[in-house]
């Protein structure tokens, strides 16, 4: 579902200030902060397996 930006505050009420924050963080910093490393294939490798697509 998508809503127009001008309705975001009304839709998200008290959570709106957090939803509208534009923050970025390099993935290396995120991994270090959370002490996390991915254990599954990346998006492209996962899509190349083809099980998301149907034929026919």
PDB file of N, CA and C in Angstrom:
ATOM      1  N   UNK A   1       0.853  -1.173   0.000  1.00  0.00           N
ATOM      2  CA  UNK A   1       0.000   0.000   0.000  1.00  0.00           C
ATOM      3  C   UNK A   1       0.900   1.237   0.000  1.00  0.00           C
ATOM      4  N   UNK A   2       0.526   2.204  -0.732  1.00  0.00           N
ATOM      5  CA  UNK A   2       1.282   3.450  -0.740  1.00  0.00           C
ATOM      6  C   UNK A   2       0.327   4.603  -0.448  1.00  0.00           C
ATOM      7  N   UNK A   3       0.853   5.601   0.236  1.00  0.00           N
ATOM      8  CA  UNK A   3       0.040   6.783   0.540  1.00  0.00           C
ATOM      9  C   UNK A   3       0.822   8.017   0.124  1.00  0.00           C
ATOM     10  N   UNK A   4       0.125   9.088  -0.230  1.00  0.00           N
ATOM     11  CA  UNK A   4       0.826  10.314  -0.597  1.00  0.00           C
ATOM     12  C   UNK A   4       1.617  10.856   0.598  1.00  0.00           C
ATOM     13  N   UNK A   5       2.736  11.488   0.329  1.00  0.00           N
ATOM     14  CA  UNK A   5       3.605  12.027   1.383  1.00  0.00           C
ATOM     15  C   UNK A   5       2.852  12.977   2.307  1.00  0.00           C
ATOM     16  N   UNK A   6       1.939  13.749   1.760  1.00  0.00           N
ATOM     17  CA  UNK A   6       1.215  14.713   2.592  1.00  0.00           C
ATOM     18  C   UNK A   6       0.261  14.034   3.584  1.00  0.00           C
ATOM     19  N   UNK A   7      -0.017  12.750   3.414  1.00  0.00           N
ATOM     20  CA  UNK A   7      -0.879  12.025   4.350  1.00  0.00           C
ATOM     21  C   UNK A   7      -0.085  11.153   5.322  1.00  0.00           C
ATOM     22  N   UNK A   8       1.241  11.151   5.202  1.00  0.00           N
ATOM     23  CA  UNK A   8       2.073  10.272   6.030  1.00  0.00           C
ATOM     24  C   UNK A   8       1.894  10.542   7.517  1.00  0.00           C
ATOM     25  N   UNK A   9       1.943  11.789   7.925  1.00  0.00           N
ATOM     26  CA  UNK A   9       1.808  12.115   9.348  1.00  0.00           C
ATOM     27  C   UNK A   9       0.470  11.629   9.892  1.00  0.00           C
ATOM     28  N   UNK A  10      -0.586  11.827   9.139  1.00  0.00           N
ATOM     29  CA  UNK A  10      -1.920  11.378   9.559  1.00  0.00           C
ATOM     30  C   UNK A  10      -1.958   9.853   9.673  1.00  0.00           C
ATOM     31  N   UNK A  11      -1.355   9.184   8.714  1.00  0.00           N
ATOM     32  CA  UNK A  11      -1.375   7.719   8.684  1.00  0.00           C
ATOM     33  C   UNK A  11      -0.538   7.110   9.815  1.00  0.00           C
ATOM     34  N   UNK A  12       0.675   7.626  10.010  1.00  0.00           N
ATOM     35  CA  UNK A  12       1.589   7.036  10.984  1.00  0.00           C
ATOM     36  C   UNK A  12       1.463   7.639  12.385  1.00  0.00           C
ATOM     37  N   UNK A  13       0.663   8.651  12.541  1.00  0.00           N
ATOM     38  CA  UNK A  13       0.412   9.334  13.823  1.00  0.00           C
ATOM     39  C   UNK A  13       1.706   9.605  14.582  1.00  0.00           C
ATOM     40  N   UNK A  14       1.835   9.092  15.806  1.00  0.00           N
ATOM     41  CA  UNK A  14       3.009   9.397  16.645  1.00  0.00           C
ATOM     42  C   UNK A  14       4.312   8.836  16.079  1.00  0.00           C
ATOM     43  N   UNK A  15       4.237   7.862  15.166  1.00  0.00           N
ATOM     44  CA  UNK A  15       5.430   7.241  14.598  1.00  0.00           C
ATOM     45  C   UNK A  15       5.968   8.021  13.390  1.00  0.00           C
ATOM     46  N   UNK A  16       5.210   8.994  12.900  1.00  0.00           N
ATOM     47  CA  UNK A  16       5.561   9.754  11.696  1.00  0.00           C
ATOM     48  C   UNK A  16       6.960  10.361  11.728  1.00  0.00           C
ATOM     49  N   UNK A  17       7.408  10.980  12.823  1.00  0.00           N
ATOM     50  CA  UNK A  17       8.761  11.559  12.809  1.00  0.00           C
ATOM     51  C   UNK A  17       9.851  10.526  12.526  1.00  0.00           C
ATOM     52  N   UNK A  18       9.653   9.298  12.956  1.00  0.00           N
ATOM     53  CA  UNK A  18      10.645   8.256  12.725  1.00  0.00           C
ATOM     54  C   UNK A  18      10.605   7.739  11.287  1.00  0.00           C
ATOM     55  N   UNK A  19       9.413   7.684  10.715  1.00  0.00           N
ATOM     56  CA  UNK A  19       9.240   7.196   9.346  1.00  0.00           C
ATOM     57  C   UNK A  19       9.858   8.162   8.342  1.00  0.00           C
ATOM     58  N   UNK A  20       9.836   9.435   8.651  1.00  0.00           N
ATOM     59  CA  UNK A  20      10.293  10.443   7.693  1.00  0.00           C
ATOM     60  C   UNK A  20      11.780  10.777   7.810  1.00  0.00           C
ATOM     61  N   UNK A  21      12.489  10.175   8.756  1.00  0.00           N
ATOM     62  CA  UNK A  21      13.930  10.421   8.890  1.00  0.00           C
ATOM     63  C   UNK A  21      14.653   9.766   7.718  1.00  0.00           C
ATOM     64  N   UNK A  22      15.529  10.505   7.084  1.00  0.00           N
ATOM     65  CA  UNK A  22      16.290   9.984   5.955  1.00  0.00           C
ATOM     66  C   UNK A  22      17.721   9.703   6.425  1.00  0.00           C
ATOM     67  N   UNK A  23      17.952   8.479   6.862  1.00  0.00           N
ATOM     68  CA  UNK A  23      19.261   8.092   7.368  1.00  0.00           C
ATOM     69  C   UNK A  23      19.872   7.001   6.488  1.00  0.00           C
ATOM     70  N   UNK A  24      21.148   7.109   6.286  1.00  0.00           N
ATOM     71  CA  UNK A  24      21.861   6.043   5.586  1.00  0.00           C
ATOM     72  C   UNK A  24      23.061   5.639   6.425  1.00  0.00           C
ATOM     73  N   UNK A  25      23.478   4.399   6.252  1.00  0.00           N
ATOM     74  CA  UNK A  25      24.648   3.908   6.972  1.00  0.00           C
ATOM     75  C   UNK A  25      25.297   2.850   6.093  1.00  0.00           C
ATOM     76  N   UNK A  26      26.599   2.936   5.885  1.00  0.00           N
ATOM     77  CA  UNK A  26      27.274   1.906   5.081  1.00  0.00           C
ATOM     78  C   UNK A  26      27.059   0.521   5.688  1.00  0.00           C
ATOM     79  N   UNK A  27      26.914  -0.491   4.821  1.00  0.00           N
ATOM     80  CA  UNK A  27      26.610  -1.817   5.349  1.00  0.00           C
ATOM     81  C   UNK A  27      27.716  -2.360   6.247  1.00  0.00           C
ATOM     82  N   UNK A  28      28.972  -1.995   6.011  1.00  0.00           N
ATOM     83  CA  UNK A  28      30.057  -2.458   6.889  1.00  0.00           C
ATOM     84  C   UNK A  28      29.859  -1.925   8.305  1.00  0.00           C
ATOM     85  N   UNK A  29      29.415  -0.691   8.423  1.00  0.00           N
ATOM     86  CA  UNK A  29      29.155  -0.116   9.749  1.00  0.00           C
ATOM     87  C   UNK A  29      27.977  -0.815  10.421  1.00  0.00           C
ATOM     88  N   UNK A  30      26.940  -1.107   9.650  1.00  0.00           N
ATOM     89  CA  UNK A  30      25.775  -1.795  10.192  1.00  0.00           C
ATOM     90  C   UNK A  30      26.161  -3.185  10.685  1.00  0.00           C
ATOM     91  N   UNK A  31      26.950  -3.906   9.885  1.00  0.00           N
ATOM     92  CA  UNK A  31      27.387  -5.241  10.287  1.00  0.00           C
ATOM     93  C   UNK A  31      28.211  -5.186  11.568  1.00  0.00           C
ATOM     94  N   UNK A  32      29.097  -4.227  11.651  1.00  0.00           N
ATOM     95  CA  UNK A  32      29.946  -4.083  12.838  1.00  0.00           C
ATOM     96  C   UNK A  32      29.084  -3.715  14.061  1.00  0.00           C
ATOM     97  N   UNK A  33      28.164  -2.790  13.896  1.00  0.00           N
ATOM     98  CA  UNK A  33      27.301  -2.355  14.987  1.00  0.00           C
ATOM     99  C   UNK A  33      26.450  -3.509  15.527  1.00  0.00           C
ATOM    100  N   UNK A  34      25.919  -4.310  14.605  1.00  0.00           N
ATOM    101  CA  UNK A  34      25.027  -5.405  14.999  1.00  0.00           C
ATOM    102  C   UNK A  34      25.741  -6.737  15.167  1.00  0.00           C
ATOM    103  N   UNK A  35      27.063  -6.737  14.911  1.00  0.00           N
ATOM    104  CA  UNK A  35      27.850  -7.968  14.971  1.00  0.00           C
ATOM    105  C   UNK A  35      27.169  -9.064  14.149  1.00  0.00           C
ATOM    106  N   UNK A  36      26.902  -8.748  12.886  1.00  0.00           N
ATOM    107  CA  UNK A  36      26.132  -9.630  12.014  1.00  0.00           C
ATOM    108  C   UNK A  36      26.822  -9.782  10.668  1.00  0.00           C
ATOM    109  N   UNK A  37      26.801 -10.976  10.122  1.00  0.00           N
ATOM    110  CA  UNK A  37      27.254 -11.251   8.768  1.00  0.00           C
ATOM    111  C   UNK A  37      26.149 -12.048   8.076  1.00  0.00           C
ATOM    112  N   UNK A  38      25.865 -11.747   6.812  1.00  0.00           N
ATOM    113  CA  UNK A  38      24.811 -12.480   6.109  1.00  0.00           C
ATOM    114  C   UNK A  38      25.186 -13.950   5.957  1.00  0.00           C
ATOM    115  N   UNK A  39      24.196 -14.819   6.091  1.00  0.00           N
ATOM    116  CA  UNK A  39      24.431 -16.256   5.990  1.00  0.00           C
ATOM    117  C   UNK A  39      23.744 -16.866   4.770  1.00  0.00           C
ATOM    118  N   UNK A  40      22.997 -16.068   4.045  1.00  0.00           N
ATOM    119  CA  UNK A  40      22.241 -16.566   2.900  1.00  0.00           C
ATOM    120  C   UNK A  40      22.762 -15.913   1.626  1.00  0.00           C
ATOM    121  N   UNK A  41      22.387 -16.454   0.454  1.00  0.00           N
ATOM    122  CA  UNK A  41      22.835 -15.845  -0.804  1.00  0.00           C
ATOM    123  C   UNK A  41      22.325 -14.410  -0.935  1.00  0.00           C
ATOM    124  N   UNK A  42      23.030 -13.614  -1.712  1.00  0.00           N
ATOM    125  CA  UNK A  42      22.584 -12.261  -2.005  1.00  0.00           C
ATOM    126  C   UNK A  42      21.370 -12.283  -2.915  1.00  0.00           C
ATOM    127  N   UNK A  43      20.800 -11.135  -3.155  1.00  0.00           N
ATOM    128  CA  UNK A  43      19.576 -11.032  -3.954  1.00  0.00           C
ATOM    129  C   UNK A  43      19.749 -11.626  -5.351  1.00  0.00           C
ATOM    130  N   UNK A  44      20.797 -11.224  -6.059  1.00  0.00           N
ATOM    131  CA  UNK A  44      20.980 -11.689  -7.436  1.00  0.00           C
ATOM    132  C   UNK A  44      21.183 -13.196  -7.471  1.00  0.00           C
ATOM    133  N   UNK A  45      22.035 -13.716  -6.606  1.00  0.00           N
ATOM    134  CA  UNK A  45      22.269 -15.167  -6.567  1.00  0.00           C
ATOM    135  C   UNK A  45      20.973 -15.904  -6.244  1.00  0.00           C
ATOM    136  N   UNK A  46      20.182 -15.369  -5.341  1.00  0.00           N
ATOM    137  CA  UNK A  46      18.918 -15.990  -4.975  1.00  0.00           C
ATOM    138  C   UNK A  46      17.942 -15.976  -6.152  1.00  0.00           C
ATOM    139  N   UNK A  47      17.872 -14.853  -6.848  1.00  0.00           N
ATOM    140  CA  UNK A  47      16.964 -14.753  -8.003  1.00  0.00           C
ATOM    141  C   UNK A  47      17.401 -15.669  -9.139  1.00  0.00           C
ATOM    142  N   UNK A  48      18.709 -15.859  -9.307  1.00  0.00           N
ATOM    143  CA  UNK A  48      19.206 -16.716 -10.388  1.00  0.00           C
ATOM    144  C   UNK A  48      18.801 -18.172 -10.204  1.00  0.00           C
ATOM    145  N   UNK A  49      18.452 -18.572  -9.009  1.00  0.00           N
ATOM    146  CA  UNK A  49      18.004 -19.946  -8.773  1.00  0.00           C
ATOM    147  C   UNK A  49      16.657 -20.202  -9.439  1.00  0.00           C
ATOM    148  N   UNK A  50      15.890 -19.136  -9.698  1.00  0.00           N
ATOM    149  CA  UNK A  50      14.671 -19.246 -10.477  1.00  0.00           C
ATOM    150  C   UNK A  50      13.424 -19.695  -9.750  1.00  0.00           C
ATOM    151  N   UNK A  51      13.492 -19.971  -8.460  1.00  0.00           N
ATOM    152  CA  UNK A  51      12.284 -20.474  -7.808  1.00  0.00           C
ATOM    153  C   UNK A  51      11.272 -19.379  -7.478  1.00  0.00           C
ATOM    154  N   UNK A  52      11.561 -18.143  -7.775  1.00  0.00           N
ATOM    155  CA  UNK A  52      10.585 -17.075  -7.589  1.00  0.00           C
ATOM    156  C   UNK A  52       9.709 -16.875  -8.832  1.00  0.00           C
ATOM    157  N   UNK A  53      10.126 -17.468  -9.918  1.00  0.00           N
ATOM    158  CA  UNK A  53       9.452 -17.243 -11.197  1.00  0.00           C
ATOM    159  C   UNK A  53       8.745 -18.514 -11.636  1.00  0.00           C
ATOM    160  N   UNK A  54       7.593 -18.324 -12.247  1.00  0.00           N
ATOM    161  CA  UNK A  54       6.868 -19.466 -12.785  1.00  0.00           C
ATOM    162  C   UNK A  54       6.824 -19.360 -14.289  1.00  0.00           C
ATOM    163  N   UNK A  55       6.706 -20.459 -14.943  1.00  0.00           N
ATOM    164  CA  UNK A  55       6.586 -20.468 -16.405  1.00  0.00           C
ATOM    165  C   UNK A  55       5.258 -21.091 -16.770  1.00  0.00           C
ATOM    166  N   UNK A  56       4.783 -20.700 -17.916  1.00  0.00           N
ATOM    167  CA  UNK A  56       3.584 -21.321 -18.429  1.00  0.00           C
ATOM    168  C   UNK A  56       2.414 -20.541 -18.229  1.00  0.00           C
TER     169      UNK A  56
END
